Amino acid sequence: MLHLRALCPPERTPDVLAYLRAHSGTAHLVVHHGVALAPEGDLVEADVAREAAGEIVDALCALHLDRTGGITLENLDTAVSDAADAAEEATPGEGANAMVWQELLGRTGEESRWTLTFQAFLTIACLLAATGVVTDSPITVVGAMVVGPEFGPLAAVAVGLVLRRWDLVRRAALALAVGFPVAMLVTGVAVLLGSVFGFFDPTSILDNYNVDFVYQVGAASFVVALLAGAAGMLAMTSARSAVLVGVFISVTTVPAAGYTMVAAVAGRWDRAGFSLLQLSVNLLGIVLAAAIVLILRRRKQRSGALLRPLSRG
């Protein structure tokens, strides 16, 4: 279940209440007249089945509440109520699999922006990857995969493409276009300084066979990226965020960026080139698979909406 809060101009409140009363996916409807100060108006609250949340929010937006008032959704961990159970049973589908587009837009919108925090995490991840490459430590490389924050902007690009939200695509693409080069530049400088001061020898990658998978790009690389992108988007759209850790470990994005700089400092431009290709293949595969998942889920949701009853009957 989700908790819905809607700020309504007084003249819109009767329409909002009528819609929510009639919808079979709502429970615990409450109205507070005149309590909203900015913007002024009424506050309407209800618990809604997750499967019906997107449809309900769309209807409230059609009443212009997104412009004249405000709509918020919060997850409810526990709802002990026969009315809540009835609302969930009356709404087709399973809550764990329900997709709320407004929630997805909110999540990807936040993660699509380039920020100092995003840059810091990406840089640290690249440095960890470079360390793992130099020391021939697959565990360190896996750690770098987990730290890397790049899936957020990649998911945002996919969402923006499917919904034709070009502002979202531009923000996410900018985060990636700035984030990776800056992280790689810092990593390259760190590797060069480490080599100059004798902390490690970048040419050791010639004998480090445990991390060769980072630059060995092939059809399998694209397949893994597709699977990871599909799993990641399914996790984001079905409230199964724990799966995202497995997605991070599956793809060779940050490790490829780190390997590129180590190979460049070592003068192995062939491996540096293959690592860049690996990075590109993984980025493309993730976005493509995520977009396909969104398109398929959108079509399924639209077909299900045609069969979904509105009235409580």
Protein backbone atom coordinates (compact mmCIF):
# COMPACT_ATOMS: atom_id res chain seq x y z
CA MET A 1 0.00 0.00 0.00
CA LEU A 2 0.97 3.63 -0.55
CA HIS A 3 -0.17 6.67 1.40
CA LEU A 4 -1.50 9.45 -0.81
CA ARG A 5 -1.59 13.11 0.24
CA ALA A 6 -3.22 15.64 -2.05
CA LEU A 7 -3.41 19.40 -1.50
CA CYS A 8 -6.55 20.66 -3.22
CA PRO A 9 -8.02 24.06 -3.94
CA PRO A 10 -11.44 24.07 -2.21
CA GLU A 11 -13.28 24.08 -5.51
CA ARG A 12 -11.48 20.85 -6.58
CA THR A 13 -12.01 18.93 -3.34
CA PRO A 14 -15.49 17.53 -4.20
CA ASP A 15 -14.19 16.11 -7.49
CA VAL A 16 -11.15 14.58 -5.79
CA LEU A 17 -13.26 13.00 -3.05
CA ALA A 18 -15.78 11.68 -5.57
CA TYR A 19 -13.03 10.02 -7.61
CA LEU A 20 -11.26 8.49 -4.63
CA ARG A 21 -14.54 7.23 -3.12
CA ALA A 22 -15.45 5.55 -6.39
CA HIS A 23 -12.07 3.93 -7.00
CA SER A 24 -11.86 0.34 -5.79
CA GLY A 25 -8.15 0.65 -4.97
CA THR A 26 -8.52 3.23 -2.19
CA ALA A 27 -9.05 2.95 1.56
CA HIS A 28 -8.99 5.16 4.66
CA LEU A 29 -10.14 8.33 2.91
CA VAL A 30 -9.70 11.44 5.08
CA VAL A 31 -10.27 15.14 4.32
CA HIS A 32 -9.02 18.14 6.31
CA HIS A 33 -10.80 21.29 5.19
CA GLY A 34 -8.81 24.51 5.11
CA VAL A 35 -5.65 23.16 6.76
CA ALA A 36 -3.27 23.78 3.85
CA LEU A 37 -1.44 27.12 3.98
CA ALA A 38 0.90 27.11 0.97
CA PRO A 39 -0.83 26.62 -1.35
CA GLU A 40 -4.07 27.34 0.49
CA GLY A 41 -6.76 24.71 0.38
CA ASP A 42 -7.79 21.30 1.70
CA LEU A 43 -5.76 18.22 2.48
CA VAL A 44 -7.08 14.87 1.24
CA GLU A 45 -5.42 11.66 2.40
CA ALA A 46 -5.98 8.05 1.44
CA ASP A 47 -4.21 4.72 1.36
CA VAL A 48 -4.10 3.28 -2.15
CA ALA A 49 -3.14 -0.08 -3.57
CA ARG A 50 0.24 0.15 -5.23
CA GLU A 51 -1.19 -1.37 -8.40
CA ALA A 52 -3.65 1.51 -8.72
CA ALA A 53 -1.35 4.36 -7.63
CA GLY A 54 -0.25 5.41 -11.11
CA GLU A 55 -3.80 5.50 -12.42
CA ILE A 56 -5.00 7.52 -9.41
CA VAL A 57 -2.18 10.05 -9.64
CA ASP A 58 -2.85 10.50 -13.36
CA ALA A 59 -6.50 11.22 -12.58
CA LEU A 60 -5.57 13.79 -9.93
CA CYS A 61 -3.16 15.43 -12.37
CA ALA A 62 -6.03 15.63 -14.85
CA LEU A 63 -7.75 17.73 -12.18
CA HIS A 64 -4.64 19.96 -12.22
CA LEU A 65 -3.64 19.21 -8.63
CA ASP A 66 -0.02 18.95 -9.72
CA ARG A 67 -0.22 22.66 -10.66
CA THR A 68 -2.70 24.15 -8.23
CA GLY A 69 -1.93 21.94 -5.22
CA GLY A 70 0.38 19.01 -4.70
CA ILE A 71 0.47 15.21 -4.72
CA THR A 72 2.80 13.02 -2.65
CA LEU A 73 3.12 9.27 -2.23
CA GLU A 74 4.77 7.39 0.63
CA ASN A 75 5.37 3.68 1.09
CA LEU A 76 3.43 2.00 3.88
CA ASP A 77 5.38 -0.85 5.48
CA THR A 78 2.37 -2.14 7.41
CA ALA A 79 -1.38 -1.66 6.99
CA VAL A 80 -3.56 -3.69 9.36
CA SER A 81 -7.03 -3.13 7.97
CA ASP A 82 -9.77 -5.09 6.26
CA ALA A 83 -10.44 -2.03 4.09
CA ALA A 84 -6.81 -1.97 2.93
CA ASP A 85 -6.92 -5.70 2.20
CA ALA A 86 -10.12 -5.24 0.22
CA ALA A 87 -8.58 -2.41 -1.82
CA GLU A 88 -5.59 -4.56 -2.73
CA GLU A 89 -7.77 -7.55 -3.60
CA ALA A 90 -10.02 -5.40 -5.77
CA THR A 91 -7.09 -4.10 -7.79
CA PRO A 92 -5.73 -6.50 -10.44
CA GLY A 93 -2.09 -7.49 -10.19
CA GLU A 94 0.44 -7.86 -7.40
CA GLY A 95 1.71 -4.91 -5.40
CA ALA A 96 5.31 -6.13 -5.51
CA ASN A 97 5.18 -6.08 -9.32
CA ALA A 98 3.24 -2.84 -9.70
CA MET A 99 4.91 0.00 -11.54
CA VAL A 100 4.31 3.59 -10.48
CA TRP A 101 5.64 5.86 -13.22
CA GLN A 102 5.58 8.96 -11.05
CA GLU A 103 7.69 7.18 -8.43
CA LEU A 104 10.13 6.00 -11.09
CA LEU A 105 10.44 9.52 -12.50
CA GLY A 106 11.12 10.86 -9.03
CA ARG A 107 13.84 8.29 -8.32
CA THR A 108 15.60 8.57 -11.65
CA GLY A 109 15.25 12.35 -11.62
CA GLU A 110 17.19 12.55 -8.37
CA GLU A 111 19.87 10.14 -9.56
CA SER A 112 20.29 11.72 -12.99
CA ARG A 113 22.03 14.88 -11.83
CA TRP A 114 25.78 15.40 -11.74
CA THR A 115 26.71 16.26 -8.17
CA LEU A 116 29.93 16.35 -6.19
CA THR A 117 28.75 13.27 -4.31
CA PHE A 118 28.15 11.38 -7.55
CA GLN A 119 31.56 12.43 -8.83
CA ALA A 120 33.24 11.44 -5.58
CA PHE A 121 31.71 7.96 -5.59
CA LEU A 122 32.55 7.41 -9.26
CA THR A 123 36.14 8.60 -8.76
CA ILE A 124 36.63 6.40 -5.71
CA ALA A 125 35.19 3.45 -7.62
CA CYS A 126 37.62 4.03 -10.52
CA LEU A 127 40.54 4.29 -8.09
CA LEU A 128 39.48 1.03 -6.47
CA ALA A 129 39.21 -0.60 -9.87
CA ALA A 130 42.70 0.59 -10.84
CA THR A 131 44.07 -0.76 -7.56
CA GLY A 132 42.42 -4.10 -8.20
CA VAL A 133 43.84 -4.22 -11.71
CA VAL A 134 47.38 -3.42 -10.59
CA THR A 135 47.29 -5.89 -7.68
CA ASP A 136 45.49 -8.57 -9.71
CA SER A 137 42.68 -8.62 -7.14
CA PRO A 138 39.25 -9.57 -8.53
CA ILE A 139 37.72 -8.91 -5.09
CA THR A 140 38.86 -5.28 -5.20
CA VAL A 141 37.48 -4.95 -8.72
CA VAL A 142 34.12 -6.32 -7.53
CA GLY A 143 34.20 -3.80 -4.68
CA ALA A 144 34.67 -1.04 -7.24
CA MET A 145 31.61 -2.30 -9.12
CA VAL A 146 29.47 -2.02 -5.99
CA VAL A 147 30.70 1.50 -5.16
CA GLY A 148 30.09 2.85 -8.67
CA PRO A 149 26.93 5.02 -8.90
CA GLU A 150 26.59 4.96 -12.66
CA PHE A 151 23.42 2.85 -12.88
CA GLY A 152 21.29 5.78 -11.68
CA PRO A 153 22.03 8.03 -14.68
CA LEU A 154 21.87 5.06 -17.05
CA ALA A 155 18.39 4.20 -15.77
CA ALA A 156 17.43 7.87 -16.10
CA VAL A 157 18.51 7.88 -19.75
CA ALA A 158 16.32 4.84 -20.43
CA VAL A 159 13.32 6.38 -18.64
CA GLY A 160 13.81 9.67 -20.47
CA LEU A 161 13.99 7.95 -23.85
CA VAL A 162 10.84 5.89 -23.27
CA LEU A 163 8.81 8.80 -21.87
CA ARG A 164 10.40 11.32 -24.24
CA ARG A 165 11.59 13.36 -21.31
CA TRP A 166 14.56 14.91 -23.07
CA ASP A 167 15.40 17.08 -20.07
CA LEU A 168 15.97 13.90 -18.07
CA VAL A 169 18.07 12.40 -20.87
CA ARG A 170 20.22 15.54 -21.08
CA ARG A 171 20.85 15.67 -17.32
CA ALA A 172 21.74 12.00 -17.09
CA ALA A 173 23.93 12.07 -20.20
CA LEU A 174 25.74 15.11 -18.80
CA ALA A 175 26.36 13.30 -15.51
CA LEU A 176 27.94 10.40 -17.40
CA ALA A 177 29.80 12.58 -19.91
CA VAL A 178 31.38 14.61 -17.11
CA GLY A 179 31.61 11.96 -14.42
CA PHE A 180 33.55 9.27 -16.26
CA PRO A 181 36.20 11.50 -17.88
CA VAL A 182 36.87 13.33 -14.61
CA ALA A 183 37.08 10.07 -12.65
CA MET A 184 39.36 8.54 -15.27
CA LEU A 185 41.59 11.63 -15.34
CA VAL A 186 42.01 11.55 -11.56
CA THR A 187 42.69 7.82 -11.72
CA GLY A 188 45.28 8.28 -14.46
CA VAL A 189 47.10 10.93 -12.42
CA ALA A 190 47.02 8.69 -9.34
CA VAL A 191 48.39 5.71 -11.28
CA LEU A 192 51.12 7.87 -12.82
CA LEU A 193 52.16 9.27 -9.44
CA GLY A 194 52.12 5.80 -7.92
CA SER A 195 54.41 4.60 -10.70
CA VAL A 196 56.78 7.54 -10.35
CA PHE A 197 57.14 7.10 -6.60
CA GLY A 198 57.52 3.35 -6.88
CA PHE A 199 54.36 2.32 -5.08
CA PHE A 200 53.50 -0.10 -7.87
CA ASP A 201 54.36 -0.94 -11.45
CA PRO A 202 51.51 -0.47 -13.96
CA THR A 203 53.24 -2.84 -16.40
CA SER A 204 52.42 -5.65 -13.97
CA ILE A 205 49.06 -5.91 -15.72
CA LEU A 206 50.82 -7.96 -18.38
CA ASP A 207 51.02 -10.83 -15.88
CA ASN A 208 47.77 -10.19 -14.00
CA TYR A 209 45.52 -12.79 -15.55
CA ASN A 210 42.81 -12.73 -12.87
CA VAL A 211 41.47 -9.39 -14.11
CA ASP A 212 41.82 -9.96 -17.84
CA PHE A 213 38.03 -10.16 -18.09
CA VAL A 214 37.89 -6.39 -17.68
CA TYR A 215 39.27 -5.63 -21.14
CA GLN A 216 38.30 -8.82 -22.96
CA VAL A 217 35.25 -7.52 -24.77
CA GLY A 218 33.03 -9.77 -26.84
CA ALA A 219 29.48 -10.90 -27.46
CA ALA A 220 29.25 -12.17 -23.89
CA SER A 221 29.98 -8.65 -22.63
CA PHE A 222 26.96 -7.28 -24.47
CA VAL A 223 24.74 -10.14 -23.30
CA VAL A 224 25.74 -9.60 -19.67
CA ALA A 225 25.09 -5.86 -20.02
CA LEU A 226 21.64 -6.56 -21.47
CA LEU A 227 20.77 -8.94 -18.65
CA ALA A 228 22.07 -6.56 -16.01
CA GLY A 229 20.17 -3.62 -17.49
CA ALA A 230 16.95 -5.65 -17.60
CA ALA A 231 17.39 -6.87 -14.03
CA GLY A 232 18.23 -3.38 -12.80
CA MET A 233 15.17 -1.77 -14.35
CA LEU A 234 12.91 -4.57 -13.11
CA ALA A 235 14.30 -3.96 -9.62
CA MET A 236 13.62 -0.22 -9.86
CA THR A 237 10.09 -0.67 -11.17
CA SER A 238 8.98 -3.44 -8.80
CA ALA A 239 10.30 -2.24 -5.42
CA ARG A 240 12.98 -4.93 -5.28
CA SER A 241 15.98 -2.69 -4.72
CA ALA A 242 18.09 -5.47 -3.17
CA VAL A 243 18.56 -6.89 -6.68
CA LEU A 244 20.48 -3.77 -7.69
CA VAL A 245 23.58 -4.95 -5.83
CA GLY A 246 23.75 -7.95 -8.14
CA VAL A 247 23.36 -5.62 -11.11
CA PHE A 248 26.30 -3.50 -9.98
CA ILE A 249 28.50 -6.59 -9.68
CA SER A 250 27.46 -7.92 -13.10
CA VAL A 251 28.57 -5.07 -15.34
CA THR A 252 32.07 -4.01 -16.29
CA THR A 253 31.74 -0.25 -16.48
CA VAL A 254 33.84 1.21 -13.65
CA PRO A 255 36.46 -1.59 -13.89
CA ALA A 256 36.85 -0.89 -17.61
CA ALA A 257 37.34 2.83 -16.89
CA GLY A 258 39.98 2.07 -14.28
CA TYR A 259 41.75 -0.49 -16.48
CA THR A 260 41.86 2.02 -19.33
CA MET A 261 43.96 4.43 -17.30
CA VAL A 262 46.29 1.77 -15.90
CA ALA A 263 46.88 0.39 -19.40
CA ALA A 264 47.45 3.90 -20.78
CA VAL A 265 50.09 4.69 -18.12
CA ALA A 266 51.71 1.32 -18.83
CA GLY A 267 51.82 2.16 -22.54
CA ARG A 268 49.53 -0.72 -23.50
CA TRP A 269 47.24 1.24 -25.80
CA ASP A 270 45.71 -1.92 -27.23
CA ARG A 271 44.34 -2.91 -23.83
CA ALA A 272 43.34 0.67 -23.12
CA GLY A 273 41.35 0.71 -26.36
CA PHE A 274 39.64 -2.60 -25.63
CA SER A 275 38.79 -1.37 -22.12
CA LEU A 276 37.15 1.74 -23.55
CA LEU A 277 35.22 -0.48 -25.96
CA GLN A 278 34.16 -2.65 -23.00
CA LEU A 279 32.93 0.46 -21.20
CA SER A 280 30.95 1.60 -24.24
CA VAL A 281 29.40 -1.82 -24.84
CA ASN A 282 28.27 -2.09 -21.24
CA LEU A 283 26.79 1.41 -21.13
CA LEU A 284 24.89 0.82 -24.38
CA GLY A 285 23.66 -2.62 -23.35
CA ILE A 286 22.36 -1.42 -19.98
CA VAL A 287 20.42 1.50 -21.47
CA LEU A 288 19.01 -0.60 -24.31
CA ALA A 289 17.79 -3.41 -22.05
CA ALA A 290 16.37 -0.99 -19.47
CA ALA A 291 14.44 0.84 -22.19
CA ILE A 292 13.04 -2.43 -23.58
CA VAL A 293 11.86 -3.48 -20.12
CA LEU A 294 10.12 -0.14 -19.65
CA ILE A 295 8.42 -0.37 -23.05
CA LEU A 296 7.16 -3.88 -22.34
CA ARG A 297 5.93 -2.97 -18.84
CA ARG A 298 4.23 0.13 -20.18
CA ARG A 299 2.35 -1.86 -22.79
CA LYS A 300 1.30 -4.43 -20.21
CA GLN A 301 0.16 -1.72 -17.83
CA ARG A 302 -1.91 -0.02 -20.54
CA SER A 303 -3.57 -3.27 -21.56
CA GLY A 304 -4.33 -4.05 -17.91
CA ALA A 305 -5.82 -0.61 -17.35
CA LEU A 306 -8.41 -1.29 -20.04
CA LEU A 307 -9.70 -4.22 -17.98
CA ARG A 308 -9.47 -2.57 -14.56
CA PRO A 309 -12.77 -1.62 -12.94
CA LEU A 310 -13.11 1.88 -11.48
CA SER A 311 -16.26 1.53 -9.44
CA ARG A 312 -16.44 -0.34 -6.16
CA GLY A 313 -19.47 -2.04 -7.63
